[in-house]
Amino acid sequence: MSPAPMERAQSNRHRRELANFAMRHQKKTIKLGRTAEHRKALLANQVCGLIEHQRIRTTLAKAKAVRPLAEKMVTLGKKGSIHARRTAFAVLRQKDAVKKLFDEIAPRTADRNGGYTRIVKLGQRKSDAAQVAYLEWVDAAILVDQEIDEAAEKKTRKSKKEGEQSSGAEKKSKKAAAAAGT
């Protein structure tokens, strides 16, 4: 015998409700409110910006979406083969970025087994209260420290030269005062 129409309706409604609460297994894509092509172009441009500038400031959601792609590109860079280079170019679409990735960034991370990027949260943007963050290379801090040290050395050299010049001017003024006094 078939179930009564009322029971059938309840079981169908129950199935629909369960379908609404289904788990999102293996649905990793962060859609960012864009079509697939727009999203691919956005992520590729963000990775190219990260490669070029070593650090980018973006929304937290975009940073979380860009991070896996950036790490995959570094893994390709570490392989170093022609196939890896062509695969990276197919994703990034910028020759300069691919060249810098393979020549500079990948060799820096040769001893690291993943975790090439870090996300630093900056708080909310004033205009729309979106969460903003820096996405940067983990080893870029070493480069920044070296640049700061070099800049400090240049400043100390300049200050020493300025100090020598001012002391020379003081000696001249003392000699002029001594000559005027005699």
Protein backbone atom coordinates (compact mmCIF):
# COMPACT_ATOMS: atom_id res chain seq x y z
CA MET A 1 0.00 0.00 0.00
CA SER A 2 1.12 3.54 -0.69
CA PRO A 3 1.50 6.10 2.10
CA ALA A 4 -1.28 8.58 2.58
CA PRO A 5 -0.91 11.89 0.69
CA MET A 6 -0.37 13.79 3.94
CA GLU A 7 2.51 11.54 4.98
CA ARG A 8 4.09 11.85 1.53
CA ALA A 9 3.94 15.66 1.73
CA GLN A 10 5.57 15.66 5.13
CA SER A 11 8.38 13.39 4.02
CA ASN A 12 9.04 15.57 0.92
CA ARG A 13 9.11 18.71 3.04
CA HIS A 14 11.47 16.97 5.45
CA ARG A 15 13.79 16.07 2.53
CA ARG A 16 13.79 19.67 1.29
CA GLU A 17 14.64 20.96 4.75
CA LEU A 18 17.51 18.52 5.03
CA ALA A 19 18.78 19.60 1.62
CA ASN A 20 18.88 23.22 2.84
CA PHE A 21 21.14 22.20 5.73
CA ALA A 22 23.48 20.01 3.73
CA MET A 23 27.15 20.47 4.47
CA ARG A 24 29.40 22.26 1.97
CA HIS A 25 32.03 19.56 1.64
CA GLN A 26 34.75 20.38 -0.93
CA LYS A 27 33.16 23.70 -1.89
CA LYS A 28 36.25 25.77 -1.15
CA THR A 29 35.79 28.58 -3.68
CA ILE A 30 35.35 32.01 -2.16
CA LYS A 31 33.09 33.65 -4.73
CA LEU A 32 33.61 37.33 -3.78
CA GLY A 33 30.35 38.29 -5.53
CA ARG A 34 31.87 37.95 -9.01
CA THR A 35 31.55 35.72 -12.03
CA ALA A 36 34.15 33.00 -12.49
CA GLU A 37 36.11 34.89 -15.16
CA HIS A 38 36.08 38.15 -13.19
CA ARG A 39 37.21 36.31 -10.07
CA LYS A 40 40.08 34.56 -11.91
CA ALA A 41 41.28 37.87 -13.34
CA LEU A 42 41.02 39.58 -9.93
CA LEU A 43 42.99 36.86 -8.15
CA ALA A 44 45.66 36.77 -10.87
CA ASN A 45 46.10 40.54 -10.66
CA GLN A 46 46.32 40.41 -6.86
CA VAL A 47 49.03 37.72 -7.03
CA CYS A 48 50.95 39.76 -9.64
CA GLY A 49 50.72 42.79 -7.35
CA LEU A 50 51.99 40.71 -4.45
CA ILE A 51 54.92 39.48 -6.53
CA GLU A 52 55.77 42.98 -7.73
CA HIS A 53 55.36 44.93 -4.48
CA GLN A 54 56.06 42.17 -1.88
CA ARG A 55 52.98 43.28 0.09
CA ILE A 56 49.45 44.31 -0.86
CA ARG A 57 46.69 45.95 1.11
CA THR A 58 43.27 44.47 0.36
CA THR A 59 40.11 43.28 2.05
CA LEU A 60 40.38 40.29 4.34
CA ALA A 61 38.09 38.19 2.13
CA LYS A 62 40.20 38.85 -0.96
CA ALA A 63 43.41 38.18 0.96
CA LYS A 64 42.05 34.82 2.08
CA ALA A 65 41.08 34.02 -1.51
CA VAL A 66 44.43 35.13 -2.98
CA ARG A 67 46.61 33.27 -0.48
CA PRO A 68 46.15 29.70 -1.85
CA LEU A 69 46.79 30.85 -5.42
CA ALA A 70 49.95 32.74 -4.40
CA GLU A 71 51.26 29.71 -2.55
CA LYS A 72 50.58 27.46 -5.56
CA MET A 73 52.51 29.87 -7.77
CA VAL A 74 55.51 29.74 -5.42
CA THR A 75 55.37 25.95 -5.48
CA LEU A 76 55.47 26.11 -9.29
CA GLY A 77 58.39 28.54 -9.04
CA LYS A 78 60.30 26.13 -6.83
CA LYS A 79 59.91 23.38 -9.44
CA GLY A 80 61.54 25.67 -11.97
CA SER A 81 60.74 23.60 -15.06
CA ILE A 82 59.51 25.00 -18.37
CA HIS A 83 56.16 23.32 -17.81
CA ALA A 84 55.83 24.99 -14.39
CA ARG A 85 56.76 28.35 -15.92
CA ARG A 86 54.13 27.97 -18.64
CA THR A 87 51.51 26.90 -16.12
CA ALA A 88 52.26 29.95 -13.98
CA PHE A 89 52.04 32.20 -17.04
CA ALA A 90 48.69 30.64 -17.98
CA VAL A 91 47.33 31.66 -14.57
CA LEU A 92 49.05 35.03 -14.04
CA ARG A 93 49.19 36.29 -17.65
CA GLN A 94 52.12 38.67 -16.97
CA LYS A 95 55.62 37.76 -18.11
CA ASP A 96 57.38 40.13 -15.73
CA ALA A 97 55.58 38.69 -12.72
CA VAL A 98 56.38 35.11 -13.75
CA LYS A 99 60.04 36.01 -14.29
CA LYS A 100 60.32 37.67 -10.87
CA LEU A 101 58.49 34.76 -9.25
CA PHE A 102 60.88 32.18 -10.69
CA ASP A 103 64.09 34.22 -10.38
CA GLU A 104 63.70 35.97 -7.01
CA ILE A 105 60.80 34.77 -4.87
CA ALA A 106 60.97 30.99 -5.38
CA PRO A 107 64.72 30.71 -4.62
CA ARG A 108 64.21 32.68 -1.39
CA THR A 109 61.71 30.08 -0.21
CA ALA A 110 63.67 26.98 -1.27
CA ASP A 111 64.08 25.71 2.30
CA ARG A 112 60.44 26.33 3.30
CA ASN A 113 57.75 23.65 2.84
CA GLY A 114 54.72 25.91 2.52
CA GLY A 115 53.30 28.86 4.39
CA TYR A 116 54.93 31.41 2.11
CA THR A 117 52.45 34.21 2.83
CA ARG A 118 51.00 35.87 5.91
CA ILE A 119 47.85 37.91 6.44
CA VAL A 120 48.11 40.85 8.84
CA LYS A 121 44.73 42.26 9.85
CA LEU A 122 44.53 46.06 9.90
CA GLY A 123 40.99 46.66 11.16
CA GLN A 124 38.04 48.24 9.39
CA ARG A 125 38.00 50.67 6.50
CA LYS A 126 36.23 53.93 7.35
CA SER A 127 34.11 54.18 4.21
CA ASP A 128 32.35 50.82 4.23
CA ALA A 129 33.64 49.13 7.40
CA ALA A 130 35.19 46.29 5.39
CA GLN A 131 37.90 44.31 7.16
CA VAL A 132 41.25 45.29 5.63
CA ALA A 133 44.50 43.32 5.76
CA TYR A 134 48.02 43.16 4.38
CA LEU A 135 48.97 40.06 2.41
CA GLU A 136 52.75 39.70 2.37
CA TRP A 137 55.52 37.19 1.87
CA VAL A 138 56.76 35.69 5.12
CA ASP A 139 60.40 36.19 4.14
CA ALA A 140 59.81 39.76 2.94
CA ALA A 141 60.38 40.97 6.52
CA ILE A 142 64.02 39.97 6.14
CA LEU A 143 64.30 42.08 3.00
CA VAL A 144 62.61 45.06 4.66
CA ASP A 145 64.97 44.81 7.65
CA GLN A 146 67.97 44.81 5.31
CA GLU A 147 66.63 47.88 3.48
CA ILE A 148 66.08 49.68 6.78
CA ASP A 149 69.63 48.84 7.87
CA GLU A 150 71.03 50.16 4.58
CA ALA A 151 68.98 53.36 4.91
CA ALA A 152 70.23 53.81 8.49
CA GLU A 153 73.82 53.40 7.35
CA LYS A 154 73.34 56.06 4.68
CA LYS A 155 71.84 58.43 7.25
CA THR A 156 74.72 57.88 9.66
CA ARG A 157 77.22 58.51 6.89
CA LYS A 158 75.42 61.74 5.97
CA SER A 159 75.23 62.88 9.58
CA LYS A 160 78.94 62.20 10.07
CA LYS A 161 79.74 64.23 6.96
CA GLU A 162 77.46 67.04 8.10
CA GLY A 163 79.12 66.95 11.52
CA GLU A 164 82.55 67.26 9.92
CA GLN A 165 81.35 70.16 7.79
CA SER A 166 79.82 72.00 10.74
CA SER A 167 82.96 71.50 12.86
CA GLY A 168 85.00 72.85 9.95
CA ALA A 169 82.76 75.92 9.80
CA GLU A 170 83.16 76.43 13.55
CA LYS A 171 86.96 76.33 13.23
CA LYS A 172 86.84 78.96 10.48
CA SER A 173 84.60 81.23 12.56
CA LYS A 174 86.92 80.85 15.56
CA LYS A 175 89.93 81.74 13.39
CA ALA A 176 88.06 84.78 12.02
CA ALA A 177 87.13 85.87 15.55
CA ALA A 178 90.73 85.45 16.71
CA ALA A 179 92.01 87.48 13.75
CA ALA A 180 89.49 90.25 14.42
CA GLY A 181 90.39 90.29 18.11
CA THR A 182 94.10 90.80 17.50
